[in-house]
Amino acid sequence: MNEILVEEENTVYELDPECLRHKEEQRQLEEKRKQEKQENDNYRMQKRPEKRNQNNMWIICLLLLVICQ
């Protein structure tokens, strides 16, 4: 078994490489999720003005219908 020993003052700590690897994987996964969430938020923010423009088109069409009658 590979071990990592860390000395701090008069105490020695044993670090498990498997645990360190797992912790690093969790950190990377969390980072990836955070980045995906940010990309999704940016995508949603870009889409909102188009929806507003679409609503304006419906209002214009309704006004034209009312005026033409």
C-alpha atoms as a PDB file:
ATOM      1  CA  MET A   1       0.000   0.000   0.000  1.00  0.00           C
ATOM      2  CA  ASN A   2       1.364   3.407  -0.957  1.00  0.00           C
ATOM      3  CA  GLU A   3       1.200   5.963   1.783  1.00  0.00           C
ATOM      4  CA  ILE A   4       1.987   9.605   2.020  1.00  0.00           C
ATOM      5  CA  LEU A   5       3.387  10.757   5.326  1.00  0.00           C
ATOM      6  CA  VAL A   6       3.170  14.381   6.310  1.00  0.00           C
ATOM      7  CA  GLU A   7       4.998  15.763   9.292  1.00  0.00           C
ATOM      8  CA  GLU A   8       3.669  18.792  11.069  1.00  0.00           C
ATOM      9  CA  GLU A   9       5.528  19.915  14.164  1.00  0.00           C
ATOM     10  CA  ASN A  10       5.587  16.811  16.361  1.00  0.00           C
ATOM     11  CA  THR A  11       2.720  14.985  14.603  1.00  0.00           C
ATOM     12  CA  VAL A  12       2.844  12.642  11.606  1.00  0.00           C
ATOM     13  CA  TYR A  13      -0.207  12.245   9.374  1.00  0.00           C
ATOM     14  CA  GLU A  14      -0.789   9.371   6.994  1.00  0.00           C
ATOM     15  CA  LEU A  15      -2.664  10.280   3.815  1.00  0.00           C
ATOM     16  CA  ASP A  16      -4.418   7.630   1.772  1.00  0.00           C
ATOM     17  CA  PRO A  17      -3.704   8.087  -1.974  1.00  0.00           C
ATOM     18  CA  GLU A  18      -7.036   6.501  -2.878  1.00  0.00           C
ATOM     19  CA  CYS A  19      -8.848   9.029  -0.729  1.00  0.00           C
ATOM     20  CA  LEU A  20      -6.866  11.883  -2.259  1.00  0.00           C
ATOM     21  CA  ARG A  21      -7.679  10.631  -5.760  1.00  0.00           C
ATOM     22  CA  HIS A  22     -11.377  10.384  -4.904  1.00  0.00           C
ATOM     23  CA  LYS A  23     -11.365  13.881  -3.446  1.00  0.00           C
ATOM     24  CA  GLU A  24      -9.724  15.263  -6.602  1.00  0.00           C
ATOM     25  CA  GLU A  25     -12.300  13.511  -8.801  1.00  0.00           C
ATOM     26  CA  GLN A  26     -15.099  15.030  -6.720  1.00  0.00           C
ATOM     27  CA  ARG A  27     -13.535  18.478  -7.048  1.00  0.00           C
ATOM     28  CA  GLN A  28     -13.275  18.094 -10.839  1.00  0.00           C
ATOM     29  CA  LEU A  29     -16.867  16.872 -11.077  1.00  0.00           C
ATOM     30  CA  GLU A  30     -18.085  19.816  -9.030  1.00  0.00           C
ATOM     31  CA  GLU A  31     -16.084  22.207 -11.222  1.00  0.00           C
ATOM     32  CA  LYS A  32     -17.604  20.653 -14.352  1.00  0.00           C
ATOM     33  CA  ARG A  33     -21.149  20.960 -12.966  1.00  0.00           C
ATOM     34  CA  LYS A  34     -20.536  24.566 -12.041  1.00  0.00           C
ATOM     35  CA  GLN A  35     -19.255  25.336 -15.540  1.00  0.00           C
ATOM     36  CA  GLU A  36     -22.234  23.578 -17.180  1.00  0.00           C
ATOM     37  CA  LYS A  37     -24.645  25.514 -14.978  1.00  0.00           C
ATOM     38  CA  GLN A  38     -22.983  28.773 -15.936  1.00  0.00           C
ATOM     39  CA  GLU A  39     -23.185  27.871 -19.642  1.00  0.00           C
ATOM     40  CA  ASN A  40     -26.874  27.000 -19.253  1.00  0.00           C
ATOM     41  CA  ASP A  41     -27.535  30.293 -17.474  1.00  0.00           C
ATOM     42  CA  ASN A  42     -25.776  32.183 -20.265  1.00  0.00           C
ATOM     43  CA  TYR A  43     -27.826  30.346 -22.878  1.00  0.00           C
ATOM     44  CA  ARG A  44     -31.097  31.205 -21.110  1.00  0.00           C
ATOM     45  CA  MET A  45     -30.107  34.833 -20.817  1.00  0.00           C
ATOM     46  CA  GLN A  46     -29.460  35.002 -24.555  1.00  0.00           C
ATOM     47  CA  LYS A  47     -32.864  33.502 -25.405  1.00  0.00           C
ATOM     48  CA  ARG A  48     -35.030  35.889 -23.386  1.00  0.00           C
ATOM     49  CA  PRO A  49     -34.915  38.903 -25.743  1.00  0.00           C
ATOM     50  CA  GLU A  50     -36.113  36.719 -28.647  1.00  0.00           C
ATOM     51  CA  LYS A  51     -39.173  35.691 -26.668  1.00  0.00           C
ATOM     52  CA  ARG A  52     -40.008  39.307 -25.907  1.00  0.00           C
ATOM     53  CA  ASN A  53     -39.726  40.173 -29.611  1.00  0.00           C
ATOM     54  CA  GLN A  54     -42.035  37.330 -30.468  1.00  0.00           C
ATOM     55  CA  ASN A  55     -44.647  38.697 -28.042  1.00  0.00           C
ATOM     56  CA  ASN A  56     -44.354  42.107 -29.674  1.00  0.00           C
ATOM     57  CA  MET A  57     -45.049  40.558 -33.069  1.00  0.00           C
ATOM     58  CA  TRP A  58     -48.274  39.027 -31.782  1.00  0.00           C
ATOM     59  CA  ILE A  59     -49.410  42.388 -30.468  1.00  0.00           C
ATOM     60  CA  ILE A  60     -48.667  44.020 -33.817  1.00  0.00           C
ATOM     61  CA  CYS A  61     -50.594  41.299 -35.662  1.00  0.00           C
ATOM     62  CA  LEU A  62     -53.591  41.749 -33.372  1.00  0.00           C
ATOM     63  CA  LEU A  63     -53.539  45.502 -33.856  1.00  0.00           C
ATOM     64  CA  LEU A  64     -53.434  45.080 -37.624  1.00  0.00           C
ATOM     65  CA  LEU A  65     -56.414  42.743 -37.465  1.00  0.00           C
ATOM     66  CA  VAL A  66     -58.406  45.216 -35.402  1.00  0.00           C
ATOM     67  CA  ILE A  67     -57.506  48.141 -37.681  1.00  0.00           C
ATOM     68  CA  CYS A  68     -58.270  46.265 -40.895  1.00  0.00           C
ATOM     69  CA  GLN A  69     -61.806  45.324 -39.826  1.00  0.00           C
END
